[in-house]
N, C-alpha and C. Protein backbone atom coordinates (compact mmCIF):
# COMPACT_ATOMS: atom_id res chain seq x y z
N MET A 1 32.30 50.73 -92.79
CA MET A 1 31.09 51.51 -92.61
C MET A 1 31.13 52.72 -93.57
N LEU A 2 30.01 52.99 -94.19
CA LEU A 2 29.93 54.08 -95.15
C LEU A 2 29.73 55.41 -94.43
N ASP A 3 30.33 56.49 -95.02
CA ASP A 3 30.05 57.80 -94.45
C ASP A 3 28.62 58.20 -94.85
N GLU A 4 28.12 59.27 -94.24
CA GLU A 4 26.72 59.65 -94.45
C GLU A 4 26.39 59.90 -95.91
N SER A 5 27.26 60.54 -96.64
CA SER A 5 27.03 60.83 -98.04
C SER A 5 26.99 59.55 -98.88
N SER A 6 27.94 58.65 -98.62
CA SER A 6 27.98 57.37 -99.35
C SER A 6 26.76 56.52 -99.02
N GLN A 7 26.37 56.53 -97.72
CA GLN A 7 25.21 55.76 -97.30
C GLN A 7 23.95 56.30 -97.98
N SER A 8 23.83 57.62 -98.06
CA SER A 8 22.68 58.23 -98.71
C SER A 8 22.64 57.86 -100.18
N SER A 9 23.79 57.86 -100.83
CA SER A 9 23.86 57.47 -102.25
C SER A 9 23.47 56.02 -102.43
N ARG A 10 23.94 55.18 -101.53
CA ARG A 10 23.62 53.75 -101.60
C ARG A 10 22.11 53.53 -101.40
N ILE A 11 21.52 54.24 -100.46
CA ILE A 11 20.08 54.12 -100.22
C ILE A 11 19.32 54.58 -101.46
N GLN A 12 19.77 55.68 -102.07
CA GLN A 12 19.14 56.18 -103.29
C GLN A 12 19.22 55.13 -104.39
N GLU A 13 20.35 54.46 -104.48
CA GLU A 13 20.56 53.42 -105.50
C GLU A 13 19.59 52.25 -105.26
N VAL A 14 19.49 51.80 -104.01
CA VAL A 14 18.58 50.70 -103.68
C VAL A 14 17.14 51.12 -103.92
N ALA A 15 16.79 52.33 -103.50
CA ALA A 15 15.42 52.83 -103.64
C ALA A 15 14.98 52.87 -105.10
N SER A 16 15.91 53.12 -105.99
CA SER A 16 15.56 53.26 -107.41
C SER A 16 15.41 51.92 -108.13
N LEU A 17 15.76 50.84 -107.45
CA LEU A 17 15.63 49.52 -108.07
C LEU A 17 14.16 49.22 -108.36
N GLU A 18 13.89 48.79 -109.56
CA GLU A 18 12.50 48.48 -109.93
C GLU A 18 12.12 47.07 -109.53
N ARG A 19 13.10 46.24 -109.31
CA ARG A 19 12.81 44.88 -108.86
C ARG A 19 12.62 44.90 -107.34
N SER A 20 12.17 43.78 -106.80
CA SER A 20 12.00 43.67 -105.36
C SER A 20 13.38 43.71 -104.69
N TRP A 21 13.44 44.32 -103.53
CA TRP A 21 14.69 44.38 -102.80
C TRP A 21 15.01 43.02 -102.20
N THR A 22 16.30 42.78 -102.02
CA THR A 22 16.72 41.61 -101.24
C THR A 22 16.61 42.01 -99.77
N ASP A 23 16.68 41.02 -98.88
CA ASP A 23 16.63 41.32 -97.45
C ASP A 23 17.75 42.28 -97.05
N SER A 24 18.94 42.06 -97.59
CA SER A 24 20.08 42.91 -97.21
C SER A 24 19.90 44.33 -97.74
N GLU A 25 19.33 44.49 -98.91
CA GLU A 25 19.08 45.83 -99.45
C GLU A 25 18.03 46.55 -98.60
N ALA A 26 16.98 45.83 -98.25
CA ALA A 26 15.93 46.43 -97.42
C ALA A 26 16.50 46.81 -96.05
N LYS A 27 17.35 45.96 -95.53
CA LYS A 27 17.97 46.25 -94.22
C LYS A 27 18.80 47.53 -94.29
N GLU A 28 19.50 47.74 -95.39
CA GLU A 28 20.27 48.98 -95.57
C GLU A 28 19.36 50.21 -95.51
N VAL A 29 18.21 50.11 -96.17
CA VAL A 29 17.28 51.24 -96.21
C VAL A 29 16.70 51.48 -94.82
N VAL A 30 16.24 50.42 -94.17
CA VAL A 30 15.62 50.56 -92.84
C VAL A 30 16.64 51.09 -91.83
N GLU A 31 17.84 50.53 -91.84
CA GLU A 31 18.88 51.01 -90.92
C GLU A 31 19.30 52.44 -91.26
N GLY A 32 19.27 52.78 -92.56
CA GLY A 32 19.60 54.14 -92.96
C GLY A 32 18.59 55.14 -92.40
N GLN A 33 17.33 54.77 -92.42
CA GLN A 33 16.30 55.65 -91.86
C GLN A 33 16.50 55.80 -90.36
N GLU A 34 16.74 54.70 -89.68
CA GLU A 34 16.92 54.75 -88.22
C GLU A 34 18.14 55.60 -87.85
N ALA A 35 19.22 55.45 -88.61
CA ALA A 35 20.44 56.21 -88.34
C ALA A 35 20.29 57.70 -88.67
N SER A 36 19.38 58.00 -89.59
CA SER A 36 19.23 59.39 -90.04
C SER A 36 18.57 60.27 -88.98
N GLY A 37 17.77 59.66 -88.12
CA GLY A 37 17.04 60.45 -87.12
C GLY A 37 15.81 61.13 -87.70
N ARG A 38 15.55 60.94 -88.98
CA ARG A 38 14.39 61.55 -89.62
C ARG A 38 13.16 60.66 -89.42
N THR A 39 12.01 61.25 -89.57
CA THR A 39 10.79 60.46 -89.54
C THR A 39 10.77 59.57 -90.77
N ILE A 40 9.99 58.51 -90.70
CA ILE A 40 9.87 57.61 -91.86
C ILE A 40 9.35 58.38 -93.06
N ARG A 41 8.36 59.22 -92.82
CA ARG A 41 7.77 60.00 -93.92
C ARG A 41 8.82 60.89 -94.58
N ALA A 42 9.58 61.63 -93.79
CA ALA A 42 10.59 62.54 -94.35
C ALA A 42 11.68 61.76 -95.08
N PHE A 43 12.12 60.67 -94.46
CA PHE A 43 13.17 59.85 -95.05
C PHE A 43 12.71 59.27 -96.40
N CYS A 44 11.51 58.73 -96.41
CA CYS A 44 11.00 58.12 -97.66
C CYS A 44 10.83 59.17 -98.75
N LYS A 45 10.36 60.34 -98.39
CA LYS A 45 10.19 61.40 -99.37
C LYS A 45 11.55 61.82 -99.94
N GLU A 46 12.51 61.97 -99.06
CA GLU A 46 13.85 62.39 -99.47
C GLU A 46 14.50 61.38 -100.42
N HIS A 47 14.25 60.09 -100.17
CA HIS A 47 14.90 59.04 -100.97
C HIS A 47 13.97 58.43 -102.00
N ASP A 48 12.80 59.03 -102.19
CA ASP A 48 11.84 58.58 -103.18
C ASP A 48 11.48 57.10 -102.99
N VAL A 49 11.20 56.74 -101.74
CA VAL A 49 10.76 55.39 -101.38
C VAL A 49 9.32 55.49 -100.93
N SER A 50 8.46 54.59 -101.39
CA SER A 50 7.08 54.64 -100.93
C SER A 50 7.04 54.20 -99.47
N GLU A 51 6.26 54.93 -98.68
CA GLU A 51 6.13 54.59 -97.26
C GLU A 51 5.58 53.18 -97.10
N GLN A 52 4.66 52.79 -97.97
CA GLN A 52 4.08 51.46 -97.89
C GLN A 52 5.17 50.39 -98.06
N ARG A 53 6.03 50.59 -99.05
CA ARG A 53 7.11 49.63 -99.27
C ARG A 53 8.05 49.61 -98.07
N PHE A 54 8.38 50.76 -97.53
CA PHE A 54 9.26 50.85 -96.38
C PHE A 54 8.67 50.07 -95.19
N HIS A 55 7.40 50.34 -94.87
CA HIS A 55 6.77 49.68 -93.72
C HIS A 55 6.67 48.17 -93.93
N TRP A 56 6.37 47.76 -95.19
CA TRP A 56 6.28 46.34 -95.48
C TRP A 56 7.60 45.65 -95.17
N TRP A 57 8.70 46.24 -95.65
CA TRP A 57 10.01 45.65 -95.42
C TRP A 57 10.42 45.72 -93.95
N LYS A 58 10.11 46.81 -93.29
CA LYS A 58 10.47 46.93 -91.87
C LYS A 58 9.78 45.83 -91.07
N THR A 59 8.51 45.59 -91.36
CA THR A 59 7.77 44.53 -90.67
C THR A 59 8.34 43.16 -91.00
N LYS A 60 8.63 42.92 -92.28
CA LYS A 60 9.18 41.63 -92.69
C LYS A 60 10.52 41.36 -92.00
N LEU A 61 11.38 42.37 -91.97
CA LEU A 61 12.69 42.19 -91.33
C LEU A 61 12.55 41.97 -89.83
N LYS A 62 11.60 42.66 -89.22
CA LYS A 62 11.38 42.49 -87.78
C LYS A 62 10.96 41.06 -87.47
N LYS A 63 10.09 40.51 -88.33
CA LYS A 63 9.61 39.14 -88.12
C LYS A 63 10.72 38.11 -88.31
N LYS A 64 11.74 38.46 -89.10
CA LYS A 64 12.86 37.54 -89.33
C LYS A 64 13.94 37.68 -88.27
N ALA A 65 13.85 38.71 -87.44
CA ALA A 65 14.89 38.97 -86.44
C ALA A 65 14.91 37.86 -85.40
N PRO A 66 16.11 37.54 -84.89
CA PRO A 66 16.21 36.52 -83.85
C PRO A 66 15.39 36.94 -82.63
N GLY A 67 14.71 35.98 -82.05
CA GLY A 67 13.94 36.26 -80.85
C GLY A 67 12.53 36.74 -81.10
N TYR A 68 12.19 36.97 -82.37
CA TYR A 68 10.83 37.42 -82.67
C TYR A 68 9.89 36.23 -82.56
N THR A 69 8.80 36.42 -81.83
CA THR A 69 7.76 35.40 -81.78
C THR A 69 6.41 36.09 -81.90
N GLN A 70 5.51 35.44 -82.58
CA GLN A 70 4.16 35.98 -82.72
C GLN A 70 3.53 36.09 -81.33
N ALA A 71 3.76 35.10 -80.48
CA ALA A 71 3.18 35.10 -79.14
C ALA A 71 3.73 36.26 -78.32
N GLY A 72 5.00 36.59 -78.51
CA GLY A 72 5.59 37.70 -77.79
C GLY A 72 4.92 39.01 -78.12
N ASN A 73 4.51 39.18 -79.36
CA ASN A 73 3.84 40.41 -79.77
C ASN A 73 2.38 40.42 -79.32
N ALA A 74 1.80 39.26 -79.13
CA ALA A 74 0.41 39.19 -78.68
C ALA A 74 0.27 39.71 -77.26
N SER A 75 1.37 39.65 -76.49
CA SER A 75 1.30 40.11 -75.10
C SER A 75 1.04 41.61 -75.03
N LYS A 76 1.29 42.33 -76.13
CA LYS A 76 1.04 43.76 -76.15
C LYS A 76 -0.45 44.06 -76.13
N ALA A 77 -1.21 43.16 -76.72
CA ALA A 77 -2.66 43.35 -76.76
C ALA A 77 -3.26 42.81 -75.46
N ARG A 78 -4.16 43.56 -74.90
CA ARG A 78 -4.82 43.09 -73.68
C ARG A 78 -5.73 41.93 -74.00
N LYS A 79 -5.67 40.93 -73.13
CA LYS A 79 -6.54 39.78 -73.33
C LYS A 79 -7.75 39.97 -72.42
N ARG A 80 -8.91 39.88 -73.00
CA ARG A 80 -10.16 40.01 -72.26
C ARG A 80 -10.99 38.77 -72.52
N LYS A 81 -11.78 38.43 -71.55
CA LYS A 81 -12.72 37.35 -71.79
C LYS A 81 -14.06 37.75 -71.20
N LEU A 82 -15.09 37.29 -71.87
CA LEU A 82 -16.43 37.58 -71.42
C LEU A 82 -16.86 36.50 -70.44
N VAL A 83 -17.67 36.87 -69.49
CA VAL A 83 -18.23 35.90 -68.56
C VAL A 83 -19.73 35.82 -68.79
N GLU A 84 -20.23 34.64 -68.58
CA GLU A 84 -21.66 34.44 -68.78
C GLU A 84 -22.43 35.14 -67.67
N VAL A 85 -23.50 35.80 -68.04
CA VAL A 85 -24.37 36.47 -67.07
C VAL A 85 -25.74 35.83 -67.18
N ARG A 86 -26.24 35.40 -66.07
CA ARG A 86 -27.59 34.83 -66.04
C ARG A 86 -28.50 35.80 -65.30
N VAL A 87 -29.59 36.12 -65.93
CA VAL A 87 -30.52 37.08 -65.36
C VAL A 87 -31.70 36.30 -64.77
N ARG A 88 -31.97 36.58 -63.50
CA ARG A 88 -33.11 35.93 -62.85
C ARG A 88 -34.22 36.95 -62.67
N GLU A 89 -35.42 36.46 -62.71
CA GLU A 89 -36.57 37.31 -62.43
C GLU A 89 -36.50 37.71 -60.96
N THR A 90 -36.84 38.95 -60.70
CA THR A 90 -36.84 39.43 -59.32
C THR A 90 -38.09 40.26 -59.09
N THR A 91 -38.52 40.25 -57.87
CA THR A 91 -39.69 41.06 -57.53
C THR A 91 -39.26 42.35 -56.86
N SER A 92 -37.97 42.47 -56.65
CA SER A 92 -37.45 43.67 -55.99
C SER A 92 -37.46 44.84 -56.96
N SER A 93 -37.65 46.03 -56.43
CA SER A 93 -37.60 47.22 -57.27
C SER A 93 -36.21 47.86 -57.23
N SER A 94 -35.28 47.20 -56.53
CA SER A 94 -33.92 47.72 -56.45
C SER A 94 -33.20 47.46 -57.75
N PRO A 95 -32.31 48.39 -58.14
CA PRO A 95 -31.56 48.14 -59.37
C PRO A 95 -30.57 46.99 -59.17
N LEU A 96 -30.27 46.31 -60.25
CA LEU A 96 -29.28 45.25 -60.25
C LEU A 96 -27.91 45.89 -60.39
N GLU A 97 -26.93 45.43 -59.62
CA GLU A 97 -25.57 45.96 -59.71
C GLU A 97 -24.65 44.89 -60.26
N LEU A 98 -23.90 45.25 -61.30
CA LEU A 98 -22.93 44.33 -61.90
C LEU A 98 -21.54 44.90 -61.70
N ALA A 99 -20.64 44.07 -61.16
CA ALA A 99 -19.24 44.48 -60.98
C ALA A 99 -18.49 44.16 -62.26
N LEU A 100 -17.92 45.19 -62.89
CA LEU A 100 -17.18 45.02 -64.15
C LEU A 100 -15.69 45.10 -63.87
N SER A 101 -14.90 44.78 -64.88
CA SER A 101 -13.44 44.86 -64.74
C SER A 101 -13.03 46.29 -64.43
N GLY A 102 -11.91 46.42 -63.78
CA GLY A 102 -11.39 47.75 -63.45
C GLY A 102 -12.16 48.41 -62.31
N GLY A 103 -12.95 47.63 -61.54
CA GLY A 103 -13.65 48.17 -60.41
C GLY A 103 -14.90 48.97 -60.77
N ARG A 104 -15.30 48.93 -62.03
CA ARG A 104 -16.49 49.67 -62.43
C ARG A 104 -17.75 48.92 -62.03
N VAL A 105 -18.82 49.66 -61.75
CA VAL A 105 -20.09 49.07 -61.36
C VAL A 105 -21.17 49.58 -62.31
N LEU A 106 -21.98 48.67 -62.79
CA LEU A 106 -23.09 49.04 -63.66
C LEU A 106 -24.38 48.75 -62.92
N ARG A 107 -25.21 49.78 -62.75
CA ARG A 107 -26.50 49.63 -62.09
C ARG A 107 -27.58 49.56 -63.17
N VAL A 108 -28.33 48.46 -63.13
CA VAL A 108 -29.34 48.21 -64.14
C VAL A 108 -30.72 48.26 -63.48
N PRO A 109 -31.59 49.11 -63.97
CA PRO A 109 -32.93 49.21 -63.36
C PRO A 109 -33.77 47.96 -63.64
N THR A 110 -34.76 47.74 -62.80
CA THR A 110 -35.66 46.62 -63.05
C THR A 110 -36.40 46.86 -64.35
N GLY A 111 -36.78 45.79 -65.00
CA GLY A 111 -37.51 45.90 -66.26
C GLY A 111 -36.60 46.22 -67.44
N PHE A 112 -35.29 46.00 -67.32
CA PHE A 112 -34.36 46.30 -68.41
C PHE A 112 -34.57 45.32 -69.56
N ASP A 113 -34.08 45.72 -70.73
CA ASP A 113 -34.14 44.88 -71.91
C ASP A 113 -32.88 44.01 -71.95
N GLU A 114 -33.06 42.70 -71.95
CA GLU A 114 -31.94 41.76 -71.88
C GLU A 114 -30.98 41.92 -73.08
N THR A 115 -31.53 42.12 -74.25
CA THR A 115 -30.71 42.28 -75.46
C THR A 115 -29.86 43.54 -75.37
N GLU A 116 -30.46 44.63 -74.89
CA GLU A 116 -29.72 45.87 -74.75
C GLU A 116 -28.61 45.74 -73.71
N LEU A 117 -28.88 45.01 -72.62
CA LEU A 117 -27.87 44.80 -71.59
C LEU A 117 -26.69 44.02 -72.16
N LYS A 118 -26.97 42.97 -72.93
CA LYS A 118 -25.89 42.19 -73.54
C LYS A 118 -25.05 43.07 -74.47
N ARG A 119 -25.71 43.91 -75.25
CA ARG A 119 -25.00 44.81 -76.16
C ARG A 119 -24.15 45.80 -75.38
N LEU A 120 -24.70 46.35 -74.31
CA LEU A 120 -23.96 47.30 -73.48
C LEU A 120 -22.75 46.65 -72.84
N LEU A 121 -22.91 45.45 -72.32
CA LEU A 121 -21.79 44.75 -71.69
C LEU A 121 -20.69 44.44 -72.70
N SER A 122 -21.06 44.06 -73.91
CA SER A 122 -20.03 43.76 -74.91
C SER A 122 -19.24 45.02 -75.27
N VAL A 123 -19.90 46.18 -75.26
CA VAL A 123 -19.19 47.44 -75.53
C VAL A 123 -18.29 47.81 -74.35
N LEU A 124 -18.82 47.70 -73.14
CA LEU A 124 -18.06 48.10 -71.96
C LEU A 124 -16.85 47.21 -71.70
N GLU A 125 -16.95 45.94 -72.02
CA GLU A 125 -15.87 45.00 -71.74
C GLU A 125 -14.99 44.73 -72.96
N ALA A 126 -15.24 45.41 -74.08
CA ALA A 126 -14.43 45.21 -75.28
C ALA A 126 -13.06 45.84 -75.10
N PRO A 127 -12.01 45.24 -75.71
CA PRO A 127 -10.67 45.85 -75.63
C PRO A 127 -10.67 47.20 -76.31
N CYS A 128 -9.87 48.09 -75.78
CA CYS A 128 -9.77 49.44 -76.35
C CYS A 128 -8.96 49.46 -77.60
C-alpha cells in the first residue's frame, strides 16, 4: 500500500496521462478520492482531473462491480402507474371527488374541462 504522498504522486501521474485511462488506473484515482475525504470537486481541482472524466469513470467502474444490476438501481426510482379515469355525465351539482395516491383527494366541480383534468392528473401523479 502506498503512503499518502506516494499515492498523491501516483494519482497526479495517472491524471496527466493524455491517453484514456485503463480500468486499474481509473480505480486508483477513484479510490484515491474516496480515501482522501475531499469532495470530488476539490480532489479533481487539486489533481488537475476534469470532474466530467472522474464521474464518467466512477460510473463505469460502479457498473462493472460485482453485484451491480441495472434492475437493482431501478428500485431507487419510484414506480408509478396511471389508471384510466372514465367521466360520466351527471346531473348532480356536487363536486366529483377523486382519491389519489398518498391519500390525497381532488375535488372537481361540475362542468370541468376534461382535457384540463387529464393534464392536472398527469402532473399530480407524476414521479417527483
